[in-house]
Amino acid sequence: MKKIVAGLVIIFLVFAVTIAAVAAADTPGSEGDPVVTKSYVDNQIAQLKSSGTVSNTYVVVEVKAGQKVLGKSGTEIILRSGEASAIDNGANGVSDITAGQDLMTGQIVGQNHLLLVPKEDGRGIQAVTDLFVMVRGPYSIQ
């Protein structure tokens, strides 16, 4: 009988310690596990979009001959009209997703090819003639 009581006491203690550990863990809404509202998340996304950090749509950009379109990390560029050549970073090129190749400085960009700039390190395209491009993501024109 003493063994049964001792066994039950041990089981009860293990159960009590388990309950205490679960209760001590971060509970939803606490500082360790904060709850955010949909309006807060929407507001944060809107701020990112307005700052040019995030864009879900392509922007049509007119580029004059000789100008450069330089992308930042993850920028997508599609040449719609005109002629352009790639600008690499000295070691790696611009990813031509359509052709499945890396374009190095001076290589011609194909019209309607999707280009991806992997890092913000001076990669992009240079306009040989006046052109229009579609850009999604942060970029600069020089």
C-alpha atoms as a PDB file:
ATOM      1  CA  MET A   1       0.000   0.000   0.000  1.00  0.00           C
ATOM      2  CA  LYS A   2       2.852   2.374   0.815  1.00  0.00           C
ATOM      3  CA  LYS A   3       4.351   1.700  -2.619  1.00  0.00           C
ATOM      4  CA  ILE A   4       1.067   2.597  -4.310  1.00  0.00           C
ATOM      5  CA  VAL A   5       0.751   5.836  -2.306  1.00  0.00           C
ATOM      6  CA  ALA A   6       4.394   6.719  -3.002  1.00  0.00           C
ATOM      7  CA  GLY A   7       3.855   6.037  -6.708  1.00  0.00           C
ATOM      8  CA  LEU A   8       0.747   8.219  -6.772  1.00  0.00           C
ATOM      9  CA  VAL A   9       2.587  11.030  -4.967  1.00  0.00           C
ATOM     10  CA  ILE A  10       5.412  10.873  -7.527  1.00  0.00           C
ATOM     11  CA  ILE A  11       2.937  10.909 -10.425  1.00  0.00           C
ATOM     12  CA  PHE A  12       1.115  13.862  -8.837  1.00  0.00           C
ATOM     13  CA  LEU A  13       4.398  15.791  -8.366  1.00  0.00           C
ATOM     14  CA  VAL A  14       5.460  15.177 -11.989  1.00  0.00           C
ATOM     15  CA  PHE A  15       2.026  16.323 -13.149  1.00  0.00           C
ATOM     16  CA  ALA A  16       2.181  19.457 -10.930  1.00  0.00           C
ATOM     17  CA  VAL A  17       5.691  20.364 -12.159  1.00  0.00           C
ATOM     18  CA  THR A  18       4.554  19.923 -15.779  1.00  0.00           C
ATOM     19  CA  ILE A  19       1.536  22.183 -15.243  1.00  0.00           C
ATOM     20  CA  ALA A  20       3.741  24.833 -13.568  1.00  0.00           C
ATOM     21  CA  ALA A  21       6.250  24.736 -16.454  1.00  0.00           C
ATOM     22  CA  VAL A  22       3.498  25.167 -19.040  1.00  0.00           C
ATOM     23  CA  ALA A  23       1.945  28.037 -17.080  1.00  0.00           C
ATOM     24  CA  ALA A  24       5.335  29.769 -16.779  1.00  0.00           C
ATOM     25  CA  ALA A  25       5.891  29.621 -20.541  1.00  0.00           C
ATOM     26  CA  ASP A  26       4.990  32.647 -22.645  1.00  0.00           C
ATOM     27  CA  THR A  27       1.274  32.973 -22.887  1.00  0.00           C
ATOM     28  CA  PRO A  28      -0.411  34.520 -25.920  1.00  0.00           C
ATOM     29  CA  GLY A  29      -0.545  38.283 -25.553  1.00  0.00           C
ATOM     30  CA  SER A  30       2.344  38.454 -23.078  1.00  0.00           C
ATOM     31  CA  GLU A  31       5.556  40.365 -23.755  1.00  0.00           C
ATOM     32  CA  GLY A  32       7.216  37.101 -24.775  1.00  0.00           C
ATOM     33  CA  ASP A  33       4.422  36.249 -27.234  1.00  0.00           C
ATOM     34  CA  PRO A  34       2.733  39.493 -28.285  1.00  0.00           C
ATOM     35  CA  VAL A  35      -0.482  39.538 -30.254  1.00  0.00           C
ATOM     36  CA  VAL A  36      -0.668  41.950 -33.196  1.00  0.00           C
ATOM     37  CA  THR A  37      -3.772  43.083 -34.971  1.00  0.00           C
ATOM     38  CA  LYS A  38      -4.419  42.933 -38.691  1.00  0.00           C
ATOM     39  CA  SER A  39      -4.591  46.732 -38.852  1.00  0.00           C
ATOM     40  CA  TYR A  40      -1.098  46.967 -37.301  1.00  0.00           C
ATOM     41  CA  VAL A  41       0.340  44.555 -39.882  1.00  0.00           C
ATOM     42  CA  ASP A  42      -1.459  46.367 -42.735  1.00  0.00           C
ATOM     43  CA  ASN A  43      -0.078  49.691 -41.501  1.00  0.00           C
ATOM     44  CA  GLN A  44       3.483  48.321 -41.361  1.00  0.00           C
ATOM     45  CA  ILE A  45       3.214  46.930 -44.904  1.00  0.00           C
ATOM     46  CA  ALA A  46       1.792  50.242 -46.171  1.00  0.00           C
ATOM     47  CA  GLN A  47       4.742  52.098 -44.645  1.00  0.00           C
ATOM     48  CA  LEU A  48       7.200  49.740 -46.333  1.00  0.00           C
ATOM     49  CA  LYS A  49       5.446  50.173 -49.677  1.00  0.00           C
ATOM     50  CA  SER A  50       5.408  53.962 -49.426  1.00  0.00           C
ATOM     51  CA  SER A  51       9.126  53.985 -48.635  1.00  0.00           C
ATOM     52  CA  GLY A  52       9.863  51.988 -51.808  1.00  0.00           C
ATOM     53  CA  THR A  53      11.080  48.981 -49.851  1.00  0.00           C
ATOM     54  CA  VAL A  54       8.251  46.662 -50.893  1.00  0.00           C
ATOM     55  CA  SER A  55       6.265  46.720 -54.095  1.00  0.00           C
ATOM     56  CA  ASN A  56       3.899  44.065 -55.375  1.00  0.00           C
ATOM     57  CA  THR A  57       3.416  45.710 -58.754  1.00  0.00           C
ATOM     58  CA  TYR A  58       5.621  46.637 -61.647  1.00  0.00           C
ATOM     59  CA  VAL A  59       6.286  50.311 -62.354  1.00  0.00           C
ATOM     60  CA  VAL A  60       6.795  51.443 -65.956  1.00  0.00           C
ATOM     61  CA  VAL A  61       9.930  53.592 -66.175  1.00  0.00           C
ATOM     62  CA  GLU A  62      11.168  55.618 -69.146  1.00  0.00           C
ATOM     63  CA  VAL A  63      14.970  55.618 -69.394  1.00  0.00           C
ATOM     64  CA  LYS A  64      16.988  57.893 -71.688  1.00  0.00           C
ATOM     65  CA  ALA A  65      19.970  56.629 -73.692  1.00  0.00           C
ATOM     66  CA  GLY A  66      23.075  56.471 -71.521  1.00  0.00           C
ATOM     67  CA  GLN A  67      21.201  56.275 -68.222  1.00  0.00           C
ATOM     68  CA  LYS A  68      21.547  53.322 -65.857  1.00  0.00           C
ATOM     69  CA  VAL A  69      18.844  51.479 -63.929  1.00  0.00           C
ATOM     70  CA  LEU A  70      20.490  50.014 -60.847  1.00  0.00           C
ATOM     71  CA  GLY A  71      18.558  47.577 -58.715  1.00  0.00           C
ATOM     72  CA  LYS A  72      18.771  46.664 -55.084  1.00  0.00           C
ATOM     73  CA  SER A  73      18.487  43.206 -53.599  1.00  0.00           C
ATOM     74  CA  GLY A  74      15.631  41.315 -55.283  1.00  0.00           C
ATOM     75  CA  THR A  75      14.733  43.976 -57.862  1.00  0.00           C
ATOM     76  CA  GLU A  76      13.128  42.642 -61.047  1.00  0.00           C
ATOM     77  CA  ILE A  77      13.605  44.423 -64.396  1.00  0.00           C
ATOM     78  CA  ILE A  78      11.869  43.679 -67.704  1.00  0.00           C
ATOM     79  CA  LEU A  79      13.017  45.493 -70.858  1.00  0.00           C
ATOM     80  CA  ARG A  80       9.884  46.383 -72.837  1.00  0.00           C
ATOM     81  CA  SER A  81      11.285  48.523 -75.677  1.00  0.00           C
ATOM     82  CA  GLY A  82      14.628  49.860 -76.802  1.00  0.00           C
ATOM     83  CA  GLU A  83      18.097  48.412 -76.392  1.00  0.00           C
ATOM     84  CA  ALA A  84      20.012  47.916 -73.171  1.00  0.00           C
ATOM     85  CA  SER A  85      23.130  46.167 -71.936  1.00  0.00           C
ATOM     86  CA  ALA A  86      23.797  44.551 -68.582  1.00  0.00           C
ATOM     87  CA  ILE A  87      25.905  45.995 -65.783  1.00  0.00           C
ATOM     88  CA  ASP A  88      27.642  43.482 -63.525  1.00  0.00           C
ATOM     89  CA  ASN A  89      29.415  44.070 -60.213  1.00  0.00           C
ATOM     90  CA  GLY A  90      32.860  43.128 -61.495  1.00  0.00           C
ATOM     91  CA  ALA A  91      32.545  39.473 -60.552  1.00  0.00           C
ATOM     92  CA  ASN A  92      28.929  38.361 -61.003  1.00  0.00           C
ATOM     93  CA  GLY A  93      26.268  39.337 -63.500  1.00  0.00           C
ATOM     94  CA  VAL A  94      22.585  40.144 -63.565  1.00  0.00           C
ATOM     95  CA  SER A  95      20.434  36.999 -63.556  1.00  0.00           C
ATOM     96  CA  ASP A  96      18.468  36.643 -66.803  1.00  0.00           C
ATOM     97  CA  ILE A  97      15.750  34.351 -65.494  1.00  0.00           C
ATOM     98  CA  THR A  98      14.145  33.946 -68.921  1.00  0.00           C
ATOM     99  CA  ALA A  99      17.331  32.765 -70.649  1.00  0.00           C
ATOM    100  CA  GLY A 100      18.720  31.011 -67.579  1.00  0.00           C
ATOM    101  CA  GLN A 101      22.064  32.791 -67.661  1.00  0.00           C
ATOM    102  CA  ASP A 102      24.154  35.477 -65.993  1.00  0.00           C
ATOM    103  CA  LEU A 103      24.527  38.667 -68.049  1.00  0.00           C
ATOM    104  CA  MET A 104      27.868  40.386 -67.664  1.00  0.00           C
ATOM    105  CA  THR A 105      28.650  44.042 -68.430  1.00  0.00           C
ATOM    106  CA  GLY A 106      28.104  44.861 -72.090  1.00  0.00           C
ATOM    107  CA  GLN A 107      25.934  41.850 -72.906  1.00  0.00           C
ATOM    108  CA  ILE A 108      22.673  42.750 -74.652  1.00  0.00           C
ATOM    109  CA  VAL A 109      19.472  42.388 -72.632  1.00  0.00           C
ATOM    110  CA  GLY A 110      16.679  40.578 -74.486  1.00  0.00           C
ATOM    111  CA  GLN A 111      13.320  42.310 -74.735  1.00  0.00           C
ATOM    112  CA  ASN A 112      10.671  40.895 -72.418  1.00  0.00           C
ATOM    113  CA  HIS A 113      13.309  38.945 -70.458  1.00  0.00           C
ATOM    114  CA  LEU A 114      12.919  38.920 -66.676  1.00  0.00           C
ATOM    115  CA  LEU A 115      16.115  40.102 -65.002  1.00  0.00           C
ATOM    116  CA  LEU A 116      16.816  39.694 -61.288  1.00  0.00           C
ATOM    117  CA  VAL A 117      19.311  41.778 -59.327  1.00  0.00           C
ATOM    118  CA  PRO A 118      20.508  39.524 -56.497  1.00  0.00           C
ATOM    119  CA  LYS A 119      22.305  42.121 -54.338  1.00  0.00           C
ATOM    120  CA  GLU A 120      22.621  45.872 -53.966  1.00  0.00           C
ATOM    121  CA  ASP A 121      26.108  46.111 -55.428  1.00  0.00           C
ATOM    122  CA  GLY A 122      25.793  48.191 -58.594  1.00  0.00           C
ATOM    123  CA  ARG A 123      24.125  45.665 -60.895  1.00  0.00           C
ATOM    124  CA  GLY A 124      21.453  46.622 -63.383  1.00  0.00           C
ATOM    125  CA  ILE A 125      21.146  47.741 -66.993  1.00  0.00           C
ATOM    126  CA  GLN A 126      22.371  50.642 -69.128  1.00  0.00           C
ATOM    127  CA  ALA A 127      20.207  52.142 -71.854  1.00  0.00           C
ATOM    128  CA  VAL A 128      21.823  52.005 -75.295  1.00  0.00           C
ATOM    129  CA  THR A 129      18.787  53.780 -76.774  1.00  0.00           C
ATOM    130  CA  ASP A 130      15.795  55.427 -75.116  1.00  0.00           C
ATOM    131  CA  LEU A 131      13.791  52.617 -73.582  1.00  0.00           C
ATOM    132  CA  PHE A 132      10.948  51.585 -71.334  1.00  0.00           C
ATOM    133  CA  VAL A 133      11.374  49.042 -68.579  1.00  0.00           C
ATOM    134  CA  MET A 134       9.073  47.555 -66.011  1.00  0.00           C
ATOM    135  CA  VAL A 135      10.617  47.451 -62.554  1.00  0.00           C
ATOM    136  CA  ARG A 136       9.447  45.747 -59.390  1.00  0.00           C
ATOM    137  CA  GLY A 137      11.375  46.537 -56.244  1.00  0.00           C
ATOM    138  CA  PRO A 138      13.732  49.323 -55.205  1.00  0.00           C
ATOM    139  CA  TYR A 139      15.892  50.905 -57.904  1.00  0.00           C
ATOM    140  CA  SER A 140      17.706  54.082 -58.847  1.00  0.00           C
ATOM    141  CA  ILE A 141      18.346  55.814 -62.161  1.00  0.00           C
ATOM    142  CA  GLN A 142      21.740  57.389 -62.778  1.00  0.00           C
END
